């Protein structure tokens, strides 16, 4: 019995060589499948494990890319009509802050009118901040 027989049978997989010829895999067969021996790389379980790992990563990456794409599309839609200089100057943030101030602490309830519609009074300072922020957005900065 020579050293080759002690190491186990050769892998029965056929693989492409460096010059395009098909030859038998040079590794030792360690997994038996259907009466043939295969190395870990060419065994059905090894191939399945690699494919499962690949597709899990691919699907995870795809979900991340889709989430980023949805975010970018929402940003583009939300900023349509607003100049780049106004965005860079922080006009949207300023408008949001002005609206939050107006709707929060400075808004005062007057009276219910016309089938439950409510009207609110906004302080002159809040109103000026809202107008200034809108002017920056519409005027480009």
Protein backbone atom coordinates (compact mmCIF):
# COMPACT_ATOMS: atom_id res chain seq x y z
CA UNK A 1 0.00 0.00 0.00
CA UNK A 2 1.55 3.30 -1.04
CA UNK A 3 1.15 6.79 0.49
CA UNK A 4 -1.54 7.71 -2.03
CA UNK A 5 -3.84 4.88 -0.89
CA UNK A 6 -3.41 5.83 2.79
CA UNK A 7 -4.44 9.45 2.12
CA UNK A 8 -7.76 8.45 0.60
CA UNK A 9 -9.29 8.49 -2.87
CA UNK A 10 -8.94 11.45 -5.21
CA UNK A 11 -11.79 13.93 -5.65
CA UNK A 12 -13.99 12.81 -8.56
CA UNK A 13 -14.86 16.37 -9.63
CA UNK A 14 -13.83 17.56 -13.07
CA UNK A 15 -12.40 21.08 -13.13
CA UNK A 16 -11.07 23.42 -15.84
CA UNK A 17 -7.30 23.73 -16.03
CA UNK A 18 -5.15 26.75 -16.76
CA UNK A 19 -5.17 26.11 -20.51
CA UNK A 20 -8.88 25.41 -20.79
CA UNK A 21 -8.62 21.62 -20.55
CA UNK A 22 -10.83 19.69 -18.13
CA UNK A 23 -9.03 17.47 -15.63
CA UNK A 24 -9.73 15.68 -12.39
CA UNK A 25 -9.45 17.71 -9.17
CA UNK A 26 -6.09 17.10 -7.48
CA UNK A 27 -7.42 17.17 -3.92
CA UNK A 28 -8.27 14.11 -1.85
CA UNK A 29 -11.90 13.05 -1.60
CA UNK A 30 -13.19 13.35 1.96
CA UNK A 31 -16.97 13.39 1.39
CA UNK A 32 -18.80 10.51 -0.25
CA UNK A 33 -21.81 11.34 -2.40
CA UNK A 34 -23.50 8.72 -4.57
CA UNK A 35 -20.57 6.33 -4.43
CA UNK A 36 -18.04 8.99 -5.47
CA UNK A 37 -15.65 10.92 -3.28
CA UNK A 38 -15.32 14.70 -3.38
CA UNK A 39 -13.12 17.24 -1.64
CA UNK A 40 -14.83 19.80 0.61
CA UNK A 41 -14.88 22.38 -2.19
CA UNK A 42 -16.62 20.16 -4.73
CA UNK A 43 -18.97 18.28 -2.41
CA UNK A 44 -22.67 19.06 -2.77
CA UNK A 45 -22.83 20.22 0.87
CA UNK A 46 -19.83 22.52 0.37
CA UNK A 47 -21.31 24.05 -2.78
CA UNK A 48 -24.68 24.52 -1.07
CA UNK A 49 -23.06 26.20 1.97
CA UNK A 50 -21.11 28.62 -0.26
CA UNK A 51 -24.19 29.44 -2.32
CA UNK A 52 -26.31 29.99 0.81
CA UNK A 53 -23.64 32.31 2.26
CA UNK A 54 -23.39 34.24 -1.02
CA UNK A 55 -27.16 34.71 -1.40
CA UNK A 56 -27.61 35.71 2.26
CA UNK A 57 -24.99 38.44 1.84
CA UNK A 58 -26.42 39.46 -1.54
CA UNK A 59 -29.96 39.78 -0.14
CA UNK A 60 -28.70 41.71 2.89
CA UNK A 61 -26.74 44.09 0.68
CA UNK A 62 -29.72 44.48 -1.65
CA UNK A 63 -31.99 45.46 1.26
CA UNK A 64 -29.42 48.04 2.38
CA UNK A 65 -29.06 49.43 -1.15
CA UNK A 66 -32.85 49.58 -1.55
CA UNK A 67 -33.21 51.46 1.74
CA UNK A 68 -30.53 53.96 0.70
CA UNK A 69 -32.18 54.37 -2.71
CA UNK A 70 -35.62 54.98 -1.16
CA UNK A 71 -34.06 57.58 1.16
CA UNK A 72 -32.36 59.39 -1.72
CA UNK A 73 -35.52 59.40 -3.81
CA UNK A 74 -37.49 60.81 -0.86
CA UNK A 75 -34.87 63.53 -0.41
CA UNK A 76 -35.04 64.45 -4.09
CA UNK A 77 -38.83 64.57 -4.03
CA UNK A 78 -38.93 66.58 -0.80
CA UNK A 79 -36.45 69.15 -2.09
CA UNK A 80 -37.93 69.59 -5.56
CA UNK A 81 -38.07 73.30 -6.40
CA UNK A 82 -35.64 74.34 -3.66
CA UNK A 83 -32.30 75.65 -4.88
CA UNK A 84 -29.04 74.04 -3.86
CA UNK A 85 -27.83 77.25 -2.25
CA UNK A 86 -30.97 77.41 -0.07
CA UNK A 87 -30.45 73.79 0.98
CA UNK A 88 -26.80 74.42 1.78
CA UNK A 89 -27.74 77.51 3.79
CA UNK A 90 -30.06 75.46 6.00
CA UNK A 91 -33.31 77.08 4.90
CA UNK A 92 -35.35 73.90 5.33
CA UNK A 93 -34.10 73.38 8.87
CA UNK A 94 -34.88 77.03 9.64
CA UNK A 95 -38.42 76.65 8.28
CA UNK A 96 -39.01 73.48 10.30
CA UNK A 97 -37.80 75.23 13.46
CA UNK A 98 -40.05 78.21 12.76
CA UNK A 99 -43.07 75.99 12.16
CA UNK A 100 -42.36 73.97 15.30
CA UNK A 101 -42.15 77.15 17.33
CA UNK A 102 -45.35 78.51 15.78
CA UNK A 103 -47.32 75.30 16.26
CA UNK A 104 -46.01 74.66 19.75
CA UNK A 105 -45.50 77.37 22.31
CA UNK A 106 -46.78 80.42 20.43
CA UNK A 107 -49.95 78.98 18.92
CA UNK A 108 -53.06 79.96 20.80
CA UNK A 109 -56.47 78.47 20.36
CA UNK A 110 -59.11 81.08 19.56
CA UNK A 111 -62.45 79.36 19.08
CA UNK A 112 -64.13 76.44 17.30
CA UNK A 113 -65.89 77.74 14.20
CA UNK A 114 -67.63 76.22 11.20
CA UNK A 115 -68.28 72.58 12.11
CA UNK A 116 -65.28 71.98 14.33
CA UNK A 117 -62.57 73.78 12.34
CA UNK A 118 -60.04 75.32 14.70
CA UNK A 119 -58.18 78.57 14.10
CA UNK A 120 -54.91 79.42 15.76
CA UNK A 121 -53.23 82.75 16.31
CA UNK A 122 -49.52 82.86 15.61
CA UNK A 123 -47.34 85.43 17.24
CA UNK A 124 -45.99 88.14 14.93
CA UNK A 125 -42.42 87.03 15.64
CA UNK A 126 -43.20 83.43 14.64
CA UNK A 127 -44.99 84.61 11.53
CA UNK A 128 -41.95 86.71 10.51
CA UNK A 129 -39.65 83.71 11.02
CA UNK A 130 -41.89 81.53 8.85
CA UNK A 131 -42.04 84.17 6.11
CA UNK A 132 -38.27 84.68 6.22
CA UNK A 133 -37.60 80.95 5.96
CA UNK A 134 -40.05 80.59 3.06
CA UNK A 135 -38.45 83.54 1.30
CA UNK A 136 -35.03 81.93 1.65
CA UNK A 137 -36.35 78.67 0.23
CA UNK A 138 -38.19 80.33 -2.66
CA UNK A 139 -35.45 82.87 -3.31
CA UNK A 140 -32.59 80.41 -3.26
CA UNK A 141 -30.75 81.45 -0.18
